[in-house]
Amino acid sequence: MPIAALLILASATPSPVTGAVAQEPLDRDAYVRAERMLPWHRDRVLFNAEVDVYWIDGSEALWYQSRSETGWRFIVAEPRLGTKRPGFDHGRMARALSVVTGAAVDSSRLPITGLEFRSGPTATPRVTALGRAYDCDLTRPACVVAPGPDRAPERALAPGGRYAVVAKGPDLWVQDLTTGQARALTTDGEKLRAYGAVPNLAAPIFRERSRMVVPPTGSFSPDGTRFLTYQLDESRSPPISMLQFVPEDGSIRPKVWTWHIPLPGDPPASAQLLIFDLATGARIPVDHPPSMIEFRTPLPIRQIEWTADSRAFYF
């Protein structure tokens, strides 16, 4: 018998009449104590329980986000020296992003989802905010949209800069940026069986309402010749809808938003891993059962890493 089942039986008392398992009722205080541990309550008092770090190329420094009662801060640290400092002036960055995006940006809640330190850890990084990449001069302060086709937010750019993978509906295409040629990597994608897609559980309505464009999810081999991704299968999840009573366009007619989310008892979504050879377009299957998907797939949360020689990956 599984351990979980043993624990449940040991904490219950059989009913003398029916033989069914009876349980002592919980008082209100027990529910109040349990509610305090829900994420939206816990996160008010417990900061930085999980911290993701990102190494800065060409250096021994790294950057990460740190949260406190006053908001978020982007920190650059150098472990060998035992030092850390703000990655940039947050107030100037907020002013610069407010001007270039037209949004009211709070310095304690910068909408930055990525930093790229191209000139070392002491320089102002290229930032990704609200779905676009910007180069910022914080001495002015001012930001401009980052140049070059490789900065298109809907593309995933391979190391070396030769190939880019782009989503066209539920399918994936590869572009050779040296020749301009493009070819389809997949042709059998469907709305609920898309390649490299973000699961419906991960706030699709927010992304659509904010016009946020995200690149296909995947991981390039270090030599930039292969793209590891997955086909997401959400076809077994029933649809669920919500009404937006105050649409952004000023209409008084409510707008219906529908997406597919499994509720308790519904089969979960799954993701089947596969690899594409970017030069030939060849599809390489991964001999592993599909992964059960909840909010995130294995790739964004770093459960998959390529080896340095690009010949294998760990999962």
Protein backbone atom coordinates (compact mmCIF):
# COMPACT_ATOMS: atom_id res chain seq x y z
CA MET A 1 0.00 0.00 0.00
CA PRO A 2 1.38 3.43 -0.87
CA ILE A 3 2.72 5.51 2.02
CA ALA A 4 0.17 8.28 1.38
CA ALA A 5 -2.66 5.79 1.73
CA LEU A 6 -1.20 4.44 4.96
CA LEU A 7 -1.05 7.92 6.44
CA ILE A 8 -4.65 8.64 5.53
CA LEU A 9 -5.92 5.41 7.05
CA ALA A 10 -3.90 5.85 10.21
CA SER A 11 -5.41 9.28 10.84
CA ALA A 12 -9.02 8.20 10.37
CA THR A 13 -11.51 6.22 12.47
CA PRO A 14 -13.79 3.55 10.91
CA SER A 15 -17.49 4.14 11.41
CA PRO A 16 -19.09 1.41 13.60
CA VAL A 17 -22.27 1.45 11.48
CA THR A 18 -21.16 1.44 7.85
CA GLY A 19 -17.45 0.68 8.00
CA ALA A 20 -16.77 3.94 6.13
CA VAL A 21 -13.90 6.20 7.12
CA ALA A 22 -14.97 9.08 9.39
CA GLN A 23 -12.98 12.21 10.03
CA GLU A 24 -13.08 14.70 12.86
CA PRO A 25 -14.45 18.05 11.67
CA LEU A 26 -11.99 20.92 11.50
CA ASP A 27 -12.76 24.13 13.32
CA ARG A 28 -12.64 27.55 11.73
CA ASP A 29 -9.20 28.34 13.13
CA ALA A 30 -7.71 25.40 11.27
CA TYR A 31 -8.96 26.79 7.97
CA VAL A 32 -7.67 30.25 8.85
CA ARG A 33 -4.22 28.84 9.61
CA ALA A 34 -4.20 26.90 6.33
CA GLU A 35 -5.30 29.96 4.36
CA ARG A 36 -2.31 31.93 5.66
CA MET A 37 -0.04 29.52 3.81
CA LEU A 38 -1.62 30.12 0.40
CA PRO A 39 0.91 31.70 -2.01
CA TRP A 40 -0.75 35.13 -2.20
CA HIS A 41 -0.68 35.43 1.60
CA ARG A 42 2.68 33.73 2.16
CA ASP A 43 4.46 35.91 -0.40
CA ARG A 44 3.58 39.03 1.60
CA VAL A 45 5.95 38.00 4.37
CA LEU A 46 8.28 35.42 2.80
CA PHE A 47 10.56 36.99 0.21
CA ASN A 48 12.98 35.31 -2.21
CA ALA A 49 12.00 31.75 -1.33
CA GLU A 50 12.99 30.88 -4.90
CA VAL A 51 15.68 32.86 -6.74
CA ASP A 52 16.72 32.28 -10.36
CA VAL A 53 20.25 33.39 -11.24
CA TYR A 54 21.60 34.15 -14.72
CA TRP A 55 25.32 34.17 -15.50
CA ILE A 56 26.66 37.12 -17.50
CA ASP A 57 28.64 36.05 -20.58
CA GLY A 58 32.35 36.80 -20.55
CA SER A 59 32.52 37.35 -16.81
CA GLU A 60 32.24 35.64 -13.44
CA ALA A 61 29.26 37.81 -12.50
CA LEU A 62 25.59 36.94 -12.41
CA TRP A 63 22.29 38.80 -12.08
CA TYR A 64 19.07 37.98 -10.29
CA GLN A 65 15.90 39.60 -8.99
CA SER A 66 15.49 40.33 -5.29
CA ARG A 67 12.14 41.14 -3.69
CA SER A 68 11.49 43.10 -0.51
CA GLU A 69 8.65 45.04 1.07
CA THR A 70 9.47 47.96 -1.23
CA GLY A 71 9.31 45.97 -4.46
CA TRP A 72 11.68 44.25 -6.89
CA ARG A 73 15.33 45.02 -7.55
CA PHE A 74 17.69 43.67 -10.21
CA ILE A 75 21.03 42.77 -8.63
CA VAL A 76 24.44 42.01 -10.12
CA ALA A 77 26.68 39.83 -7.95
CA GLU A 78 30.27 38.60 -8.27
CA PRO A 79 30.59 35.48 -6.09
CA ARG A 80 34.38 35.34 -6.23
CA LEU A 81 34.65 38.88 -4.85
CA GLY A 82 31.68 38.49 -2.51
CA THR A 83 30.07 41.69 -3.83
CA LYS A 84 26.65 42.69 -5.11
CA ARG A 85 25.16 45.93 -6.41
CA PRO A 86 22.10 47.20 -8.31
CA GLY A 87 22.24 46.20 -11.96
CA PHE A 88 21.32 49.77 -12.96
CA ASP A 89 19.57 52.88 -11.66
CA HIS A 90 15.98 51.68 -11.24
CA GLY A 91 14.47 55.17 -11.10
CA ARG A 92 16.11 56.27 -14.35
CA MET A 93 15.15 52.97 -16.00
CA ALA A 94 11.51 53.48 -14.99
CA ARG A 95 11.47 56.99 -16.48
CA ALA A 96 13.08 55.84 -19.72
CA LEU A 97 10.71 52.89 -20.16
CA SER A 98 7.69 55.07 -19.36
CA VAL A 99 8.58 57.39 -22.24
CA VAL A 100 9.33 54.74 -24.84
CA THR A 101 6.37 52.44 -24.00
CA GLY A 102 3.78 55.04 -23.06
CA ALA A 103 3.00 53.02 -19.92
CA ALA A 104 3.22 54.23 -16.32
CA VAL A 105 6.26 52.27 -15.11
CA ASP A 106 6.94 52.02 -11.37
CA SER A 107 10.61 51.79 -10.41
CA SER A 108 9.76 49.22 -7.73
CA ARG A 109 7.87 47.02 -10.21
CA LEU A 110 9.78 47.29 -13.48
CA PRO A 111 8.10 45.13 -16.17
CA ILE A 112 11.47 43.68 -17.19
CA THR A 113 11.56 39.99 -18.12
CA GLY A 114 15.11 39.77 -19.41
CA LEU A 115 18.52 41.45 -19.24
CA GLU A 116 21.40 41.09 -21.69
CA PHE A 117 24.75 42.42 -20.50
CA ARG A 118 26.50 42.70 -23.88
CA SER A 119 29.36 44.94 -22.68
CA GLY A 120 30.09 43.38 -19.31
CA PRO A 121 28.38 43.45 -15.91
CA THR A 122 29.09 47.15 -15.27
CA ALA A 123 27.30 48.43 -18.40
CA THR A 124 23.60 49.19 -18.75
CA PRO A 125 22.03 45.99 -20.08
CA ARG A 126 19.69 45.58 -23.02
CA VAL A 127 16.29 45.02 -21.41
CA THR A 128 13.23 43.09 -22.49
CA ALA A 129 10.04 44.73 -21.24
CA LEU A 130 6.40 44.35 -22.26
CA GLY A 131 7.34 41.98 -25.07
CA ARG A 132 10.03 44.15 -26.74
CA ALA A 133 13.79 44.64 -26.41
CA TYR A 134 15.22 48.10 -25.67
CA ASP A 135 18.66 49.70 -25.54
CA CYS A 136 18.70 52.32 -22.81
CA ASP A 137 21.02 55.24 -22.09
CA LEU A 138 20.43 55.99 -18.42
CA THR A 139 22.55 59.14 -18.45
CA ARG A 140 19.79 60.91 -20.38
CA PRO A 141 17.68 58.74 -19.50
CA ALA A 142 16.12 57.33 -22.71
CA CYS A 143 15.41 53.98 -24.35
CA VAL A 144 15.07 52.99 -28.01
CA VAL A 145 13.79 49.78 -29.56
CA ALA A 146 16.74 47.43 -30.03
CA PRO A 147 17.72 47.20 -33.73
CA GLY A 148 18.10 44.16 -35.92
CA PRO A 149 15.80 41.37 -37.07
CA ASP A 150 17.22 39.10 -34.37
CA ARG A 151 15.50 41.23 -31.75
CA ALA A 152 12.00 40.52 -33.07
CA PRO A 153 10.14 39.37 -29.95
CA GLU A 154 8.37 36.52 -31.75
CA ARG A 155 11.67 34.86 -32.71
CA ALA A 156 13.95 32.55 -30.77
CA LEU A 157 17.53 33.22 -31.89
CA ALA A 158 20.11 30.44 -31.97
CA PRO A 159 23.65 30.89 -30.60
CA GLY A 160 25.85 32.30 -33.34
CA GLY A 161 22.96 34.25 -34.84
CA ARG A 162 22.50 32.21 -38.02
CA TYR A 163 19.12 30.61 -37.31
CA ALA A 164 15.90 31.87 -35.78
CA VAL A 165 12.82 29.79 -34.94
CA VAL A 166 9.45 31.47 -35.25
CA ALA A 167 5.89 30.31 -34.54
CA LYS A 168 3.34 30.65 -37.32
CA GLY A 169 0.09 29.69 -35.66
CA PRO A 170 0.54 26.26 -34.08
CA ASP A 171 3.53 25.37 -36.30
CA LEU A 172 7.23 26.23 -36.24
CA TRP A 173 9.40 27.67 -39.00
CA VAL A 174 13.16 28.17 -39.15
CA GLN A 175 14.76 31.18 -40.79
CA ASP A 176 18.34 31.24 -42.07
CA LEU A 177 19.28 34.85 -41.28
CA THR A 178 22.33 34.71 -43.57
CA THR A 179 20.31 33.85 -46.69
CA GLY A 180 16.83 35.03 -45.71
CA GLN A 181 15.36 31.63 -46.57
CA ALA A 182 12.67 30.08 -44.37
CA ARG A 183 11.21 26.60 -44.17
CA ALA A 184 8.49 24.91 -42.16
CA LEU A 185 9.69 22.62 -39.39
CA THR A 186 6.16 21.35 -38.71
CA THR A 187 2.91 21.29 -40.66
CA ASP A 188 0.65 19.19 -38.44
CA GLY A 189 0.17 21.63 -35.55
CA GLU A 190 -3.32 22.39 -34.32
CA LYS A 191 -4.72 25.03 -31.97
CA LEU A 192 -4.70 22.64 -29.02
CA ARG A 193 -1.70 20.63 -30.24
CA ALA A 194 0.77 23.41 -30.97
CA TYR A 195 4.55 23.27 -31.05
CA GLY A 196 6.60 25.24 -28.51
CA ALA A 197 3.44 26.87 -27.15
CA VAL A 198 2.86 28.27 -23.68
CA PRO A 199 0.23 26.23 -21.77
CA ASN A 200 -3.25 27.70 -21.45
CA LEU A 201 -2.83 27.61 -17.67
CA ALA A 202 -0.08 30.24 -17.93
CA ALA A 203 -2.29 33.35 -18.21
CA PRO A 204 -3.08 33.33 -21.97
CA ILE A 205 -5.78 35.97 -21.56
CA PHE A 206 -3.31 38.37 -19.96
CA ARG A 207 -0.89 37.91 -22.86
CA GLU A 208 -3.59 38.41 -25.48
CA ARG A 209 -5.09 41.46 -23.78
CA SER A 210 -1.67 43.08 -23.34
CA ARG A 211 -0.65 42.13 -26.92
CA MET A 212 2.38 40.39 -25.49
CA VAL A 213 4.29 38.39 -28.10
CA VAL A 214 6.44 35.51 -26.89
CA PRO A 215 8.86 33.40 -28.95
CA PRO A 216 8.49 29.63 -29.27
CA THR A 217 9.60 27.80 -26.16
CA GLY A 218 12.68 25.69 -26.70
CA SER A 219 16.39 25.23 -26.08
CA PHE A 220 19.11 25.58 -28.73
CA SER A 221 22.16 23.37 -28.66
CA PRO A 222 25.28 25.37 -27.77
CA ASP A 223 26.56 25.15 -31.38
CA GLY A 224 23.27 26.64 -32.64
CA THR A 225 22.42 23.74 -34.99
CA ARG A 226 19.56 22.03 -33.15
CA PHE A 227 16.38 23.18 -31.42
CA LEU A 228 14.88 21.12 -28.60
CA THR A 229 11.18 21.82 -28.06
CA TYR A 230 7.89 19.96 -27.59
CA GLN A 231 4.40 19.49 -28.97
CA LEU A 232 1.89 20.59 -26.37
CA ASP A 233 -1.33 18.56 -26.24
CA GLU A 234 -4.23 20.35 -24.54
CA SER A 235 -6.93 18.70 -26.65
CA ARG A 236 -8.38 16.73 -23.71
CA SER A 237 -8.93 19.81 -21.55
CA PRO A 238 -12.50 21.20 -21.79
CA PRO A 239 -12.97 24.91 -22.55
CA ILE A 240 -13.76 27.49 -19.89
CA SER A 241 -14.93 31.07 -20.52
CA MET A 242 -14.94 34.40 -18.76
CA LEU A 243 -16.72 37.68 -19.47
CA GLN A 244 -14.87 40.98 -19.59
CA PHE A 245 -17.51 43.57 -18.73
CA VAL A 246 -15.29 46.60 -19.41
CA PRO A 247 -13.35 45.99 -22.67
CA GLU A 248 -10.31 48.18 -23.38
CA ASP A 249 -11.86 49.49 -26.62
CA GLY A 250 -14.56 51.34 -24.69
CA SER A 251 -17.38 49.06 -25.86
CA ILE A 252 -20.29 48.44 -23.51
CA ARG A 253 -20.76 44.93 -24.87
CA PRO A 254 -19.01 42.31 -22.70
CA LYS A 255 -16.26 40.34 -24.38
CA VAL A 256 -15.95 36.57 -24.05
CA TRP A 257 -12.52 35.05 -23.45
CA THR A 258 -12.21 31.25 -23.75
CA TRP A 259 -9.27 28.98 -23.06
CA HIS A 260 -8.72 25.34 -22.12
CA ILE A 261 -7.87 24.52 -18.53
CA PRO A 262 -8.21 21.12 -16.82
CA LEU A 263 -10.26 21.23 -13.64
CA PRO A 264 -10.10 18.55 -10.93
CA GLY A 265 -10.90 15.22 -12.55
CA ASP A 266 -9.98 16.35 -16.08
CA PRO A 267 -6.98 14.82 -17.88
CA PRO A 268 -3.94 17.14 -17.75
CA ALA A 269 -2.11 18.59 -20.72
CA SER A 270 1.06 16.86 -21.89
CA ALA A 271 4.21 17.75 -23.81
CA GLN A 272 6.16 15.43 -26.11
CA LEU A 273 9.82 16.40 -26.51
CA LEU A 274 11.44 16.48 -29.95
CA ILE A 275 14.51 17.98 -31.64
CA PHE A 276 14.86 19.76 -35.00
CA ASP A 277 18.01 19.93 -37.08
CA LEU A 278 17.93 23.57 -38.19
CA ALA A 279 20.09 23.09 -41.30
CA THR A 280 18.06 20.24 -42.80
CA GLY A 281 14.72 20.62 -41.02
CA ALA A 282 14.94 16.97 -39.94
CA ARG A 283 12.76 15.99 -37.02
CA ILE A 284 14.45 13.88 -34.34
CA PRO A 285 12.07 12.15 -31.91
CA VAL A 286 12.97 11.91 -28.22
CA ASP A 287 12.35 8.44 -26.82
CA HIS A 288 10.66 9.50 -23.62
CA PRO A 289 6.97 9.45 -22.57
CA PRO A 290 5.12 12.79 -22.74
CA SER A 291 5.51 14.95 -19.64
CA MET A 292 2.42 15.93 -17.65
CA ILE A 293 2.03 19.70 -17.79
CA GLU A 294 0.53 21.97 -15.18
CA PHE A 295 1.52 25.65 -15.26
CA ARG A 296 4.91 25.32 -16.96
CA THR A 297 6.69 22.96 -19.30
CA PRO A 298 10.15 21.50 -18.45
CA LEU A 299 12.10 23.91 -20.66
CA PRO A 300 11.43 27.32 -19.05
CA ILE A 301 12.18 26.02 -15.57
CA ARG A 302 15.56 24.57 -16.56
CA GLN A 303 14.78 20.90 -16.15
CA ILE A 304 16.63 20.35 -19.44
CA GLU A 305 20.26 21.24 -20.20
CA TRP A 306 22.44 20.54 -23.25
CA THR A 307 25.94 19.20 -22.89
CA ALA A 308 28.74 21.56 -23.95
CA ASP A 309 29.52 19.51 -27.09
CA SER A 310 25.85 19.70 -28.30
CA ARG A 311 25.68 15.90 -28.66
CA ALA A 312 23.22 15.21 -25.83
CA PHE A 313 21.01 16.82 -23.24
CA TYR A 314 20.08 16.02 -19.65
CA PHE A 315 16.45 15.81 -18.56
